[in-house]
């Protein structure tokens, strides 16, 4: 009877470790996919119809210092919309 209890306890430990591993993997998967939905509260205007890496842009995005400054500011750090282009593009601009 004692051997059965010890083996059962060991199996319960393995089962709990397996559940934790599955939960961790699910969390990693969810976080890895989050970018496709954009940043929290991401809601681009309707005229932003060009998708790049899951983020919507307005036409003319190839020349942001001319086409994006009205909303994102002269330095592209947020402007009137409060969304910095550097959040996604880093030092590219």
Protein backbone atom coordinates (compact mmCIF):
# COMPACT_ATOMS: atom_id res chain seq x y z
CA UNK A 1 0.00 0.00 0.00
CA UNK A 2 2.85 2.40 0.81
CA UNK A 3 4.50 1.93 -2.60
CA UNK A 4 1.24 2.84 -4.36
CA UNK A 5 0.96 6.11 -2.41
CA UNK A 6 4.55 7.10 -3.20
CA UNK A 7 4.14 6.36 -6.92
CA UNK A 8 0.81 8.21 -7.01
CA UNK A 9 2.43 11.27 -5.36
CA UNK A 10 5.25 11.21 -7.93
CA UNK A 11 2.75 11.06 -10.78
CA UNK A 12 0.83 14.00 -9.30
CA UNK A 13 4.05 16.04 -9.19
CA UNK A 14 4.76 15.22 -12.84
CA UNK A 15 1.21 16.11 -13.77
CA UNK A 16 1.41 19.48 -12.00
CA UNK A 17 4.74 20.24 -13.69
CA UNK A 18 3.19 19.35 -17.04
CA UNK A 19 0.28 21.71 -16.43
CA UNK A 20 2.63 24.53 -15.49
CA UNK A 21 4.69 23.92 -18.61
CA UNK A 22 1.57 24.01 -20.80
CA UNK A 23 0.42 27.27 -19.19
CA UNK A 24 3.85 28.85 -19.68
CA UNK A 25 3.93 27.80 -23.34
CA UNK A 26 0.43 29.19 -23.90
CA UNK A 27 1.44 32.50 -22.33
CA UNK A 28 4.54 32.73 -24.51
CA UNK A 29 2.46 31.99 -27.60
CA UNK A 30 -0.11 34.65 -26.73
CA UNK A 31 2.53 37.28 -26.05
CA UNK A 32 4.40 36.43 -29.24
CA UNK A 33 1.26 36.98 -31.29
CA UNK A 34 0.21 40.19 -29.57
CA UNK A 35 2.05 42.51 -31.97
CA UNK A 36 -0.27 41.65 -34.84
CA UNK A 37 -3.06 43.46 -33.08
CA UNK A 38 -0.88 46.51 -32.57
CA UNK A 39 -0.18 48.30 -29.32
CA UNK A 40 -2.74 48.46 -26.57
CA UNK A 41 -5.60 50.71 -27.64
CA UNK A 42 -4.31 50.70 -31.23
CA UNK A 43 -7.03 52.19 -33.41
CA UNK A 44 -5.65 53.76 -36.60
CA UNK A 45 -7.78 56.15 -38.69
CA UNK A 46 -9.69 54.78 -41.68
CA UNK A 47 -7.25 56.35 -44.16
CA UNK A 48 -4.43 54.19 -42.79
CA UNK A 49 -4.91 51.33 -45.26
CA UNK A 50 -1.36 50.03 -45.79
CA UNK A 51 -0.33 47.23 -43.44
CA UNK A 52 3.29 46.73 -42.49
CA UNK A 53 4.09 44.08 -39.90
CA UNK A 54 0.59 44.30 -38.45
CA UNK A 55 0.50 48.11 -38.16
CA UNK A 56 -1.57 50.30 -40.44
CA UNK A 57 -0.03 53.28 -42.24
CA UNK A 58 -1.31 56.05 -44.47
CA UNK A 59 -0.14 56.28 -48.07
CA UNK A 60 3.10 58.21 -48.36
CA UNK A 61 4.72 56.32 -45.51
CA UNK A 62 7.93 56.10 -47.52
CA UNK A 63 8.44 59.81 -46.86
CA UNK A 64 7.29 60.30 -43.24
CA UNK A 65 8.97 63.67 -42.71
CA UNK A 66 6.58 65.06 -45.32
CA UNK A 67 3.49 62.86 -45.06
CA UNK A 68 3.21 61.93 -41.38
CA UNK A 69 4.21 65.10 -39.53
CA UNK A 70 0.72 66.66 -39.52
CA UNK A 71 -0.51 64.06 -37.04
CA UNK A 72 2.63 62.49 -35.56
CA UNK A 73 4.54 65.77 -35.12
CA UNK A 74 7.55 67.32 -36.82
CA UNK A 75 9.83 64.96 -34.89
CA UNK A 76 7.45 61.97 -35.38
CA UNK A 77 7.36 61.49 -31.59
CA UNK A 78 3.61 61.72 -31.14
CA UNK A 79 2.21 65.05 -32.25
CA UNK A 80 -1.54 65.60 -31.93
CA UNK A 81 -2.35 61.88 -32.00
CA UNK A 82 0.14 60.99 -29.26
CA UNK A 83 1.51 58.00 -31.18
CA UNK A 84 5.24 58.02 -31.79
CA UNK A 85 6.53 56.46 -34.99
CA UNK A 86 9.62 55.45 -33.00
CA UNK A 87 7.58 52.95 -30.97
CA UNK A 88 7.73 50.60 -33.94
CA UNK A 89 10.40 52.01 -36.21
CA UNK A 90 13.03 52.71 -33.56
CA UNK A 91 15.97 54.73 -34.77
CA UNK A 92 15.09 54.07 -38.41
CA UNK A 93 13.75 57.65 -38.70
